[in-house]
Amino acid sequence: QRAEQLKENCTFFLFNDCVVCVEPLGDSFELLCMVKFYSRSTCRFAFVSNPHAEGRSFSISPARENEVHHKFLFVDSEAKNSMLEHVQTAMVDFRKQHEEAEK
């Protein structure tokens, strides 16, 4: 099992093929996690495992690992819902692009 740690003041970045969470450390950042939307080794896509959950958090199940969930906790439910919408849209867009490229 992986230990859950609450990190404050982290930054969540959304890219076209992944999400990245970093923690500021002085003049630099420490990478806490990076979740790619697709894994070539497993041929699976990442997905939001609890998109309708109430509260301030949601979890992403990565494409590469079985039974692992990266849980992201936000300041409030409004911030969570906004980021969740962006993440889900990015995942759908990435999947469409990936499937078109594979044709």
C-alpha atoms as a PDB file:
ATOM      1  CA  GLN A   1       0.000   0.000   0.000  1.00  0.00           C
ATOM      2  CA  ARG A   2       1.050   3.544  -0.595  1.00  0.00           C
ATOM      3  CA  ALA A   3       0.818   5.983   2.272  1.00  0.00           C
ATOM      4  CA  GLU A   4      -1.453   8.962   1.800  1.00  0.00           C
ATOM      5  CA  GLN A   5       0.176  12.268   2.588  1.00  0.00           C
ATOM      6  CA  LEU A   6      -1.576  15.601   2.723  1.00  0.00           C
ATOM      7  CA  LYS A   7       0.498  18.199   0.919  1.00  0.00           C
ATOM      8  CA  GLU A   8      -0.493  21.845   1.139  1.00  0.00           C
ATOM      9  CA  ASN A   9       0.212  24.539  -1.433  1.00  0.00           C
ATOM     10  CA  CYS A  10       0.713  22.074  -4.259  1.00  0.00           C
ATOM     11  CA  THR A  11       0.190  23.003  -7.880  1.00  0.00           C
ATOM     12  CA  PHE A  12      -1.809  20.868 -10.281  1.00  0.00           C
ATOM     13  CA  PHE A  13      -0.839  21.146 -13.965  1.00  0.00           C
ATOM     14  CA  LEU A  14      -2.949  19.801 -16.790  1.00  0.00           C
ATOM     15  CA  PHE A  15      -1.214  18.991 -20.071  1.00  0.00           C
ATOM     16  CA  ASN A  16      -2.655  17.504 -23.259  1.00  0.00           C
ATOM     17  CA  ASP A  17      -1.434  13.990 -22.338  1.00  0.00           C
ATOM     18  CA  CYS A  18      -1.083  13.994 -18.539  1.00  0.00           C
ATOM     19  CA  VAL A  19      -1.616  15.698 -15.197  1.00  0.00           C
ATOM     20  CA  VAL A  20       1.255  16.708 -12.937  1.00  0.00           C
ATOM     21  CA  CYS A  21       1.195  17.643  -9.272  1.00  0.00           C
ATOM     22  CA  VAL A  22       4.189  19.487  -7.810  1.00  0.00           C
ATOM     23  CA  GLU A  23       5.057  20.917  -4.409  1.00  0.00           C
ATOM     24  CA  PRO A  24       7.071  24.136  -4.129  1.00  0.00           C
ATOM     25  CA  LEU A  25      10.424  23.724  -2.387  1.00  0.00           C
ATOM     26  CA  GLY A  26      12.193  27.069  -2.045  1.00  0.00           C
ATOM     27  CA  ASP A  27      13.209  28.162  -5.533  1.00  0.00           C
ATOM     28  CA  SER A  28      12.281  24.854  -7.163  1.00  0.00           C
ATOM     29  CA  PHE A  29       9.562  22.208  -7.188  1.00  0.00           C
ATOM     30  CA  GLU A  30       9.321  18.574  -6.179  1.00  0.00           C
ATOM     31  CA  LEU A  31       7.338  16.294  -8.475  1.00  0.00           C
ATOM     32  CA  LEU A  32       4.705  14.493  -6.406  1.00  0.00           C
ATOM     33  CA  CYS A  33       3.077  12.588  -9.234  1.00  0.00           C
ATOM     34  CA  MET A  34       2.569  12.524 -12.968  1.00  0.00           C
ATOM     35  CA  VAL A  35      -0.327  10.568 -14.440  1.00  0.00           C
ATOM     36  CA  LYS A  36      -0.114   9.919 -18.164  1.00  0.00           C
ATOM     37  CA  PHE A  37      -3.448   9.496 -19.959  1.00  0.00           C
ATOM     38  CA  TYR A  38      -2.275   6.444 -21.930  1.00  0.00           C
ATOM     39  CA  SER A  39       0.240   3.658 -21.426  1.00  0.00           C
ATOM     40  CA  ARG A  40       1.754   1.948 -24.441  1.00  0.00           C
ATOM     41  CA  SER A  41       2.932  -0.931 -22.243  1.00  0.00           C
ATOM     42  CA  THR A  42      -0.576  -1.775 -20.986  1.00  0.00           C
ATOM     43  CA  CYS A  43      -2.584  -0.277 -23.895  1.00  0.00           C
ATOM     44  CA  ARG A  44      -4.946   1.328 -21.372  1.00  0.00           C
ATOM     45  CA  PHE A  45      -6.230   4.834 -20.788  1.00  0.00           C
ATOM     46  CA  ALA A  46      -6.321   6.615 -17.431  1.00  0.00           C
ATOM     47  CA  PHE A  47      -9.722   7.567 -16.063  1.00  0.00           C
ATOM     48  CA  VAL A  48     -11.324   9.518 -13.238  1.00  0.00           C
ATOM     49  CA  SER A  49     -12.450   6.795 -10.859  1.00  0.00           C
ATOM     50  CA  ASN A  50     -14.980   8.833  -8.852  1.00  0.00           C
ATOM     51  CA  PRO A  51     -16.240  11.700 -11.040  1.00  0.00           C
ATOM     52  CA  HIS A  52     -19.566  12.107  -9.216  1.00  0.00           C
ATOM     53  CA  ALA A  53     -18.219  12.014  -5.665  1.00  0.00           C
ATOM     54  CA  GLU A  54     -19.245  14.851  -3.400  1.00  0.00           C
ATOM     55  CA  GLY A  55     -16.654  16.957  -1.641  1.00  0.00           C
ATOM     56  CA  ARG A  56     -13.340  18.517  -2.527  1.00  0.00           C
ATOM     57  CA  SER A  57     -11.481  15.606  -4.108  1.00  0.00           C
ATOM     58  CA  PHE A  58     -11.389  13.262  -7.068  1.00  0.00           C
ATOM     59  CA  SER A  59      -9.159  10.334  -7.974  1.00  0.00           C
ATOM     60  CA  ILE A  60      -7.462   9.346 -11.197  1.00  0.00           C
ATOM     61  CA  SER A  61      -6.693   5.716 -11.962  1.00  0.00           C
ATOM     62  CA  PRO A  62      -3.547   5.690 -14.089  1.00  0.00           C
ATOM     63  CA  ALA A  63      -3.267   3.648 -17.256  1.00  0.00           C
ATOM     64  CA  ARG A  64      -0.105   1.863 -16.203  1.00  0.00           C
ATOM     65  CA  GLU A  65      -0.915   0.668 -12.684  1.00  0.00           C
ATOM     66  CA  ASN A  66      -3.674  -1.657 -11.493  1.00  0.00           C
ATOM     67  CA  GLU A  67      -5.698  -0.729  -8.438  1.00  0.00           C
ATOM     68  CA  VAL A  68      -3.837   2.532  -7.849  1.00  0.00           C
ATOM     69  CA  HIS A  69      -5.695   5.790  -7.416  1.00  0.00           C
ATOM     70  CA  HIS A  70      -4.110   9.223  -7.240  1.00  0.00           C
ATOM     71  CA  LYS A  71      -6.374  11.326  -5.039  1.00  0.00           C
ATOM     72  CA  PHE A  72      -6.336  15.108  -5.475  1.00  0.00           C
ATOM     73  CA  LEU A  73      -7.823  17.332  -2.761  1.00  0.00           C
ATOM     74  CA  PHE A  74      -8.750  20.916  -3.656  1.00  0.00           C
ATOM     75  CA  VAL A  75      -9.435  24.050  -1.619  1.00  0.00           C
ATOM     76  CA  ASP A  76     -13.197  23.732  -2.118  1.00  0.00           C
ATOM     77  CA  SER A  77     -15.719  21.804  -4.184  1.00  0.00           C
ATOM     78  CA  GLU A  78     -15.970  24.617  -6.748  1.00  0.00           C
ATOM     79  CA  ALA A  79     -12.221  24.405  -7.487  1.00  0.00           C
ATOM     80  CA  LYS A  80     -12.459  20.612  -7.632  1.00  0.00           C
ATOM     81  CA  ASN A  81     -15.419  20.657 -10.016  1.00  0.00           C
ATOM     82  CA  SER A  82     -13.715  23.166 -12.303  1.00  0.00           C
ATOM     83  CA  MET A  83     -10.491  21.120 -12.496  1.00  0.00           C
ATOM     84  CA  LEU A  84     -12.442  17.873 -12.842  1.00  0.00           C
ATOM     85  CA  GLU A  85     -14.253  19.267 -15.869  1.00  0.00           C
ATOM     86  CA  HIS A  86     -10.960  20.318 -17.467  1.00  0.00           C
ATOM     87  CA  VAL A  87      -9.321  16.954 -16.724  1.00  0.00           C
ATOM     88  CA  GLN A  88     -12.226  14.946 -18.141  1.00  0.00           C
ATOM     89  CA  THR A  89     -12.332  17.121 -21.271  1.00  0.00           C
ATOM     90  CA  ALA A  90      -8.566  16.708 -21.748  1.00  0.00           C
ATOM     91  CA  MET A  91      -8.856  12.926 -21.344  1.00  0.00           C
ATOM     92  CA  VAL A  92     -11.655  12.707 -23.914  1.00  0.00           C
ATOM     93  CA  ASP A  93      -9.756  14.933 -26.366  1.00  0.00           C
ATOM     94  CA  PHE A  94      -6.555  12.927 -25.886  1.00  0.00           C
ATOM     95  CA  ARG A  95      -8.377   9.625 -26.453  1.00  0.00           C
ATOM     96  CA  LYS A  96      -9.944  10.934 -29.681  1.00  0.00           C
ATOM     97  CA  GLN A  97      -6.571  12.146 -30.961  1.00  0.00           C
ATOM     98  CA  HIS A  98      -4.923   8.869 -29.993  1.00  0.00           C
ATOM     99  CA  GLU A  99      -7.579   6.770 -31.732  1.00  0.00           C
ATOM    100  CA  GLU A 100      -7.394   8.912 -34.901  1.00  0.00           C
ATOM    101  CA  ALA A 101      -3.600   8.589 -34.961  1.00  0.00           C
ATOM    102  CA  GLU A 102      -3.853   4.820 -34.595  1.00  0.00           C
ATOM    103  CA  LYS A 103      -6.073   4.456 -37.700  1.00  0.00           C
END
